[in-house]
Protein backbone atom coordinates (compact mmCIF):
# COMPACT_ATOMS: atom_id res chain seq x y z
CA UNK A 1 0.00 0.00 0.00
CA UNK A 2 2.81 2.44 0.87
CA UNK A 3 4.49 2.35 -2.51
CA UNK A 4 5.85 5.47 -4.23
CA UNK A 5 2.88 5.99 -6.60
CA UNK A 6 0.45 5.98 -3.65
CA UNK A 7 2.71 8.30 -1.64
CA UNK A 8 2.78 10.73 -4.59
CA UNK A 9 -1.02 10.61 -4.81
CA UNK A 10 -1.34 11.37 -1.10
CA UNK A 11 1.24 14.14 -1.46
CA UNK A 12 -1.02 15.71 -4.10
CA UNK A 13 -3.87 15.80 -1.57
CA UNK A 14 -1.58 17.32 1.09
CA UNK A 15 -0.47 20.01 -1.37
CA UNK A 16 -4.06 21.26 -1.87
CA UNK A 17 -4.37 23.21 1.43
CA UNK A 18 -0.78 24.40 1.03
CA UNK A 19 -1.65 25.75 -2.41
CA UNK A 20 -4.71 27.57 -1.04
CA UNK A 21 -2.73 29.09 1.84
CA UNK A 22 0.04 30.31 -0.47
CA UNK A 23 -2.47 31.61 -3.04
CA UNK A 24 -3.95 34.03 -0.48
CA UNK A 25 -0.64 35.40 0.82
CA UNK A 26 -0.48 39.07 -0.12
CA UNK A 27 3.13 39.19 -1.22
CA UNK A 28 4.62 39.79 -4.69
CA UNK A 29 6.15 36.29 -4.73
CA UNK A 30 2.91 34.51 -3.78
CA UNK A 31 1.53 33.91 -7.33
CA UNK A 32 4.80 32.27 -8.39
CA UNK A 33 4.91 30.11 -5.26
CA UNK A 34 1.24 29.12 -5.69
CA UNK A 35 1.87 28.26 -9.35
CA UNK A 36 4.89 26.19 -8.31
CA UNK A 37 2.89 24.28 -5.68
CA UNK A 38 0.09 23.62 -8.16
CA UNK A 39 2.62 22.63 -10.82
CA UNK A 40 4.24 20.16 -8.42
CA UNK A 41 0.83 18.68 -7.63
CA UNK A 42 0.03 18.41 -11.35
CA UNK A 43 3.37 16.70 -11.95
CA UNK A 44 2.59 14.05 -9.32
CA UNK A 45 -0.69 13.42 -11.20
CA UNK A 46 1.28 12.27 -14.23
CA UNK A 47 4.17 10.68 -12.32
CA UNK A 48 2.17 8.45 -9.97
CA UNK A 49 0.24 6.85 -12.83
CA UNK A 50 3.37 6.40 -14.91
CA UNK A 51 5.30 4.78 -12.06
CA UNK A 52 2.39 2.56 -11.02
CA UNK A 53 2.15 1.15 -14.54
CA UNK A 54 5.90 0.90 -15.12
CA UNK A 55 6.66 -0.75 -11.78
CA UNK A 56 3.38 -2.73 -11.73
CA UNK A 57 2.45 -1.17 -8.39
CA UNK A 58 -1.23 -0.53 -9.04
CA UNK A 59 -3.41 -1.02 -5.99
CA UNK A 60 -7.05 -0.60 -4.91
CA UNK A 61 -6.03 2.33 -2.70
CA UNK A 62 -4.26 4.04 -5.57
CA UNK A 63 -7.16 3.41 -7.95
CA UNK A 64 -9.48 5.08 -5.41
CA UNK A 65 -7.26 7.97 -4.32
CA UNK A 66 -5.91 9.05 -7.72
CA UNK A 67 -9.18 10.34 -9.24
CA UNK A 68 -10.20 11.83 -5.88
CA UNK A 69 -6.92 13.75 -5.66
CA UNK A 70 -7.22 14.92 -9.27
CA UNK A 71 -10.76 16.21 -8.90
CA UNK A 72 -10.09 17.89 -5.56
CA UNK A 73 -7.01 19.62 -6.95
CA UNK A 74 -8.78 20.90 -10.06
CA UNK A 75 -12.00 21.94 -8.29
CA UNK A 76 -10.24 23.76 -5.43
CA UNK A 77 -7.84 25.59 -7.74
CA UNK A 78 -10.64 26.67 -10.09
CA UNK A 79 -12.72 27.95 -7.17
CA UNK A 80 -9.91 30.08 -5.73
CA UNK A 81 -8.97 31.41 -9.18
CA UNK A 82 -12.62 32.31 -9.80
CA UNK A 83 -12.86 33.98 -6.39
CA UNK A 84 -9.90 36.17 -7.40
CA UNK A 85 -11.64 37.12 -10.68
CA UNK A 86 -15.41 36.64 -10.20
CA UNK A 87 -16.51 37.44 -13.74
CA UNK A 88 -18.93 35.49 -15.91
CA UNK A 89 -16.07 35.12 -18.40
CA UNK A 90 -14.30 32.79 -15.98
CA UNK A 91 -17.37 31.47 -14.15
CA UNK A 92 -18.77 29.72 -17.25
CA UNK A 93 -15.84 27.36 -17.93
CA UNK A 94 -15.38 26.73 -14.20
CA UNK A 95 -19.03 25.66 -13.88
CA UNK A 96 -18.73 23.43 -16.95
CA UNK A 97 -15.53 21.75 -15.75
CA UNK A 98 -16.68 21.13 -12.18
CA UNK A 99 -20.15 20.04 -13.32
CA UNK A 100 -18.61 17.58 -15.79
CA UNK A 101 -16.35 16.09 -13.12
CA UNK A 102 -19.34 15.44 -10.87
CA UNK A 103 -21.35 13.93 -13.73
CA UNK A 104 -18.59 11.64 -15.02
CA UNK A 105 -17.64 10.55 -11.48
CA UNK A 106 -21.24 9.55 -10.82
CA UNK A 107 -21.40 7.79 -14.20
CA UNK A 108 -18.21 5.81 -13.51
CA UNK A 109 -19.44 4.82 -10.06
CA UNK A 110 -22.75 3.59 -11.47
CA UNK A 111 -21.04 1.73 -14.33
CA UNK A 112 -18.71 0.07 -11.80
CA UNK A 113 -21.72 -1.06 -9.76
CA UNK A 114 -23.20 -2.82 -12.78
CA UNK A 115 -19.87 -4.35 -13.81
CA UNK A 116 -19.29 -2.18 -16.88
CA UNK A 117 -16.58 0.18 -15.60
CA UNK A 118 -14.34 -0.48 -18.63
CA UNK A 119 -16.89 1.23 -20.89
CA UNK A 120 -16.06 4.60 -19.30
CA UNK A 121 -12.32 4.18 -18.75
CA UNK A 122 -10.07 7.22 -19.11
CA UNK A 123 -9.42 7.97 -22.77
CA UNK A 124 -6.71 9.86 -24.65
CA UNK A 125 -9.19 12.73 -25.03
CA UNK A 126 -9.53 12.83 -21.25
CA UNK A 127 -5.76 13.08 -20.87
CA UNK A 128 -5.57 15.96 -23.37
CA UNK A 129 -8.39 17.69 -21.48
CA UNK A 130 -6.52 17.27 -18.19
CA UNK A 131 -3.33 18.73 -19.68
CA UNK A 132 -5.22 21.78 -20.99
CA UNK A 133 -6.82 22.24 -17.56
CA UNK A 134 -3.53 22.06 -15.69
CA UNK A 135 -1.71 24.50 -17.99
CA UNK A 136 -4.65 26.93 -17.97
CA UNK A 137 -4.83 26.90 -14.17
CA UNK A 138 -1.11 27.65 -13.83
CA UNK A 139 -1.51 30.63 -16.18
CA UNK A 140 -4.61 31.85 -14.32
CA UNK A 141 -2.73 31.67 -11.02
CA UNK A 142 -0.06 33.94 -12.53
CA UNK A 143 -2.67 36.67 -13.16
CA UNK A 144 -0.73 39.48 -11.48
CA UNK A 145 2.73 38.29 -12.48
CA UNK A 146 5.53 40.25 -14.11
CA UNK A 147 4.98 38.38 -17.38
CA UNK A 148 2.17 40.73 -18.41
CA UNK A 149 -1.57 40.38 -19.14
CA UNK A 150 -1.03 38.01 -22.08
CA UNK A 151 -0.35 35.17 -19.62
CA UNK A 152 -3.79 35.55 -18.05
CA UNK A 153 -5.44 35.99 -21.45
CA UNK A 154 -3.82 32.76 -22.63
CA UNK A 155 -5.03 31.09 -19.43
CA UNK A 156 -8.61 32.19 -20.19
CA UNK A 157 -8.32 30.85 -23.74
CA UNK A 158 -6.95 27.51 -22.53
CA UNK A 159 -9.59 27.13 -19.82
CA UNK A 160 -12.27 27.55 -22.51
CA UNK A 161 -10.50 24.93 -24.64
CA UNK A 162 -10.40 22.68 -21.56
CA UNK A 163 -14.14 23.28 -20.98
CA UNK A 164 -14.94 22.32 -24.59
CA UNK A 165 -12.79 19.18 -24.33
CA UNK A 166 -14.47 18.47 -21.01
CA UNK A 167 -17.93 18.52 -22.59
CA UNK A 168 -16.72 16.50 -25.56
CA UNK A 169 -15.18 13.78 -23.36
CA UNK A 170 -18.35 13.70 -21.23
CA UNK A 171 -20.44 13.09 -24.36
CA UNK A 172 -18.03 10.29 -25.38
CA UNK A 173 -18.42 8.66 -21.95
CA UNK A 174 -22.21 9.05 -21.98
CA UNK A 175 -22.42 7.52 -25.45
CA UNK A 176 -20.31 4.57 -24.30
CA UNK A 177 -22.55 4.11 -21.27
CA UNK A 178 -25.83 4.78 -23.10
CA UNK A 179 -26.69 1.10 -23.82
CA UNK A 180 -26.62 0.44 -20.06
CA UNK A 181 -28.31 3.73 -19.14
CA UNK A 182 -31.13 3.19 -21.64
CA UNK A 183 -31.76 -0.38 -20.53
CA UNK A 184 -30.70 -1.91 -23.86
CA UNK A 185 -28.02 -3.93 -22.07
CA UNK A 186 -29.20 -6.03 -19.10
CA UNK A 187 -27.78 -4.87 -15.77
CA UNK A 188 -26.16 -7.55 -13.63
CA UNK A 189 -28.02 -8.08 -10.39
CA UNK A 190 -31.15 -6.27 -11.46
CA UNK A 191 -32.00 -2.58 -11.73
CA UNK A 192 -30.09 -0.18 -9.49
CA UNK A 193 -32.21 2.31 -7.61
CA UNK A 194 -31.06 5.77 -6.64
CA UNK A 195 -30.37 6.57 -3.00
């Protein structure tokens, strides 16, 4: 259980409150430090999965924690970035991205319950979407940096691209799950009822 990939995943969760604390420090160096903390967390997102596959150290704990850490990191960072710039321009993609994460997480959980989890496995499109999200968030964190307003403008552009990819990947997952959702494929163990 305490292998390096799992430790990196847990480190990503630990870095979330550190990122928030640094983000709200009113010092000129704070945006750079917050971007560095977020960047380190994003790097562990790629590294833990790579090492788990390469070293064959996948585990039930890692399979559970990894998506939780990813979604917490993205949701928290988008919320604090939006709080710093509460305009509809930024609110729209943030709502789309967080709403999609909730929807797809629920879909994956339900598909796992009926034994069809593989139908909504992470795709290449999902990985591209995640990369666009991570880069856009770093640029949005650097809003008041010395690099100039173009950095933030590029961050806004990329977060819209990420939102579009987010919706696209959600549609792909829903289409893959549609036979089960529509009842065209029998569900193992009978119909699942909502809580």
